[in-house]
Structure formats: structure tokens, C-alpha cells
Protein backbone atom coordinates (compact mmCIF):
# COMPACT_ATOMS: atom_id res chain seq x y z
CA MET A 1 0.83 10.09 -16.11
CA ALA A 2 1.30 7.69 -12.33
CA ILE A 3 -1.85 5.49 -11.93
CA ILE A 4 -3.13 4.35 -8.31
CA LYS A 5 -3.87 1.00 -7.88
CA THR A 6 -4.41 -0.50 -3.93
CA SER A 7 -5.67 -4.18 -2.68
CA ASN A 8 -9.15 -3.78 -0.87
CA THR A 9 -10.25 -6.69 -2.28
CA THR A 10 -13.15 -8.48 0.65
CA GLY A 11 -11.46 -11.52 2.79
CA LYS A 12 -7.29 -10.52 1.35
CA TYR A 13 -4.72 -10.26 3.97
CA HIS A 14 -7.04 -11.38 6.33
CA ASP A 15 -4.74 -15.18 6.43
CA GLN A 16 -0.80 -15.55 9.18
CA ASN A 17 0.08 -15.61 5.77
CA SER A 18 -0.13 -12.17 4.47
CA TYR A 19 3.18 -10.33 5.90
CA ASN A 20 5.52 -13.06 4.40
CA SER A 21 3.60 -13.26 1.06
CA ALA A 22 2.71 -9.06 0.52
CA ILE A 23 6.57 -8.17 1.62
CA ASN A 24 8.31 -11.45 -0.73
CA TYR A 25 5.84 -10.23 -3.57
CA ILE A 26 7.55 -7.09 -4.03
CA THR A 27 10.96 -7.78 -2.50
CA ARG A 28 10.68 -10.52 -5.01
CA PRO A 29 15.17 -9.94 -6.96
CA ASP A 30 13.08 -10.72 -10.84
CA LYS A 31 10.70 -7.99 -10.05
CA THR A 32 13.45 -6.04 -8.50
CA PRO A 33 17.03 -5.93 -10.78
CA HIS A 34 18.90 -3.11 -8.60
CA HIS A 35 17.64 -3.41 -5.42
CA TYR A 36 15.69 -0.65 -5.07
CA ILE A 37 13.57 -1.45 -1.72
CA GLY A 38 13.43 0.68 1.47
CA SER A 39 11.54 0.80 4.84
CA ILE A 40 10.77 2.96 7.71
CA GLY A 41 10.37 1.52 11.10
CA LEU A 42 11.24 -1.60 10.17
CA ASP A 43 13.75 -4.23 10.66
CA MET A 44 14.84 -4.98 6.50
CA TYR A 45 16.58 -8.10 7.10
CA ASN A 46 12.93 -9.08 8.71
CA PRO A 47 10.80 -7.24 7.78
CA VAL A 48 7.73 -9.69 8.31
CA GLY A 49 8.76 -10.74 12.40
CA SER A 50 8.64 -6.58 12.35
CA MET A 51 4.97 -6.24 10.73
CA GLU A 52 3.45 -9.52 12.65
CA SER A 53 5.74 -7.92 15.62
CA VAL A 54 3.93 -4.48 16.31
CA ALA A 55 0.43 -6.40 16.05
CA ILE A 56 1.02 -9.39 18.17
CA HIS A 57 2.33 -6.37 20.88
CA PHE A 58 -0.50 -4.94 20.47
CA GLY A 59 -3.16 -6.97 19.96
CA GLN A 60 -4.55 -6.94 16.41
CA LYS A 61 -3.68 -10.19 14.46
CA HIS A 62 -7.39 -10.92 13.37
CA GLY A 63 -8.72 -8.19 10.13
CA VAL A 64 -6.82 -6.92 7.87
CA HIS A 65 -2.49 -7.33 8.41
CA VAL A 66 -1.22 -5.61 5.39
CA ARG A 67 -2.09 -3.03 2.95
CA GLN A 68 -0.79 -2.55 -0.05
CA PHE A 69 -0.51 0.32 -3.06
CA LEU A 70 0.49 -0.40 -6.42
CA LEU A 71 2.03 3.05 -8.15
CA ALA A 72 2.58 2.55 -11.85
CA PHE A 73 3.85 5.48 -14.71
CA ASP A 74 3.40 5.13 -18.08
CA PRO A 75 6.60 4.35 -20.38
CA ASN A 76 6.44 7.52 -22.19
CA GLU A 77 7.31 9.32 -18.63
CA SER A 78 10.77 10.49 -17.67
CA ILE A 79 10.40 7.98 -14.80
CA ASN A 80 13.79 5.66 -13.97
CA PRO A 81 14.30 3.16 -11.79
CA GLU A 82 16.36 5.75 -9.25
CA ILE A 83 13.45 8.02 -9.32
CA ALA A 84 11.08 6.17 -8.90
CA ASN A 85 13.85 4.82 -5.89
CA LEU A 86 13.26 8.74 -5.11
CA ILE A 87 9.17 8.45 -5.18
CA GLY A 88 9.18 5.37 -2.90
CA GLN A 89 11.40 7.35 -0.30
CA SER A 90 9.27 10.51 0.22
CA ILE A 91 5.64 8.33 0.26
CA ILE A 92 6.64 5.58 2.95
CA PHE A 93 8.25 8.97 5.01
CA TYR A 94 4.86 9.21 4.84
CA LEU A 95 3.15 6.64 5.66
CA GLY A 96 5.92 6.01 7.85
CA ASN A 97 4.59 8.75 11.14
CA ARG A 98 2.09 6.21 12.18
CA PHE A 99 2.40 2.66 10.51
CA GLN A 100 5.28 0.18 9.46
CA ALA A 101 6.27 0.34 5.61
CA ILE A 102 8.53 -1.63 2.49
CA TYR A 103 8.26 -0.27 -0.85
CA ALA A 104 9.87 -2.30 -3.77
CA VAL A 105 10.85 -0.58 -7.52
CA HIS A 106 9.55 -3.05 -9.65
CA GLU A 107 11.63 -2.95 -13.49
CA ASP A 108 9.94 -6.27 -14.95
CA GLU A 109 7.95 -4.50 -16.88
CA PRO A 110 7.91 -2.00 -19.84
CA HIS A 111 6.50 0.24 -16.96
CA ILE A 112 8.30 0.66 -13.65
CA HIS A 113 6.14 0.54 -11.13
CA ILE A 114 6.78 0.77 -6.91
CA HIS A 115 4.83 -1.30 -5.17
CA ILE A 116 3.82 -0.23 -1.24
CA VAL A 117 2.93 -2.45 2.06
CA ILE A 118 2.19 -1.34 5.04
CA ASN A 119 1.33 -3.32 8.50
CA ALA A 120 -2.70 -2.07 9.35
CA VAL A 121 -1.56 -2.11 12.76
CA SER A 122 -0.06 1.36 13.97
CA TYR A 123 2.95 0.98 16.04
CA VAL A 124 2.36 4.02 17.69
CA ASP A 125 -0.88 3.48 19.20
CA GLY A 126 -2.17 -0.14 17.97
CA THR A 127 -4.82 1.05 16.13
CA LYS A 128 -5.76 -0.06 13.05
CA TYR A 129 -5.22 1.72 9.46
CA ARG A 130 -8.84 2.21 8.37
CA GLY A 131 -8.03 4.42 5.17
CA THR A 132 -11.57 7.15 5.50
CA HIS A 133 -11.70 8.74 2.64
CA LYS A 134 -10.42 11.87 4.62
CA VAL A 135 -6.78 9.90 5.56
CA PHE A 136 -6.79 8.86 1.11
CA ARG A 137 -7.64 11.75 0.51
CA ARG A 138 -4.85 13.18 2.38
CA PHE A 139 -2.28 10.17 0.60
CA MET A 140 -3.44 11.32 -2.48
CA ASP A 141 -2.82 14.32 -2.14
CA PHE A 142 0.32 13.63 -0.69
CA VAL A 143 1.92 11.26 -3.45
CA LYS A 144 0.21 14.30 -6.01
CA ARG A 145 3.14 17.21 -4.51
CA VAL A 146 5.85 14.47 -4.85
CA LEU A 147 4.44 14.27 -8.27
CA ARG A 148 4.96 16.80 -9.76
CA GLN A 149 8.52 17.42 -7.53
CA TYR A 150 9.01 15.23 -11.58
CA GLY A 151 7.00 16.25 -13.83
CA ILE A 152 4.02 14.52 -13.44
CA ASN A 153 0.75 16.62 -12.78
CA GLN A 154 -1.81 13.95 -13.39
CA LEU A 155 -2.34 10.77 -10.87
CA ILE A 156 -5.23 8.54 -11.44
CA TYR A 157 -6.82 6.30 -8.31
CA VAL A 158 -8.02 3.40 -10.45
CA PRO A 159 -9.51 0.68 -8.58
CA THR A 160 -8.76 -2.73 -9.37
CA SER A 161 -11.25 -5.48 -11.30
CA LYS A 162 -11.32 -7.14 -7.93
CA ASP A 163 -12.41 -4.47 -5.39
CA THR A 164 -14.98 -5.08 -3.46
CA GLU A 165 -14.50 -2.72 -0.30
CA SER A 166 -13.49 1.50 -0.65
CA PRO A 167 -10.49 2.01 -1.93
CA GLN A 168 -10.61 3.88 1.27
CA GLY A 169 -11.28 1.20 2.97
């Protein structure tokens, strides 16, 4: 079984430091000892600047700047950091058709988990990620298909205790 969470707390990721705080948190060396970190659509030497540049280019420096997903695995699953890395790669390739994305496999807890941060501004046309129910359902279906390849047949969405918007909001 895997659990997916979103960070949709009202007001979260609205400030100018959103890119920096989200990306720096997920890529912390103490959380990623094997350095399983990957991205799509951005410069890995300057992921914050890459995302900010897209937002500035399209005049989208207001509202939500990033979206973050957390995919956690039961410690009893046969998911090791290498497999979690492959899962993270698949997910960002899916998201990367419109949005810059970065992921990191965290190994600092008994359960391996993947943090995924996407730029809320599309590099294709500058529209904001709204994550409607339809879009979120398609995303969840895709993640389920990826997980089945690794023997995980159940994915549960768990709202965070501070969520005040829909998971798609």
C-alpha cells in the first residue's frame, strides 16, 4: 500500500520564498543520503531560478508558486530507494509534459517516501496548475499504474490535517 498526500493549506506556497523553501527542503542531504533526486524541465544546478524564470516570463508571480506531493510507502513493502527513484522518475515525466518538476527520495524515516514539487506555472503556455478533479484523478490513475509495476496495488489519498482546499485545489 502507498499513501499520497498533497500540500494544499490555504496560503501555503504563496510567498516569494516558496520555490526556495520547497526545493531546499526536499533536496536536503540528510534526507537523501543516496542522492536520488531528479528533475524535468529545469536546470538541476539552479532549480529555484529555473522555476522563478518561468513564472516571471509569463507574468505569474502571484498566487500559488509550487505544488507538492508526497508519496509514502509502507515499511513492509519491498520498495527500496532504487525502486522509489524509478517511481519518482516516472511521475515527473508524466507531470513534465507541462510543468517543471523535481523529486527526491527521502530515506530518513522507517518508510521510504518521495517528495515531488512542481512549478504551478506551465512552461508551455504560462497557465497555472489548477488540479481540477479530472486532472487529479488522471494523475492518481497514472501513479496507480506505475505502482502496480512494482507490486503495489493500493494507493490511498490522505488529506493533510491542515488541508483547507480540495486535494485538487
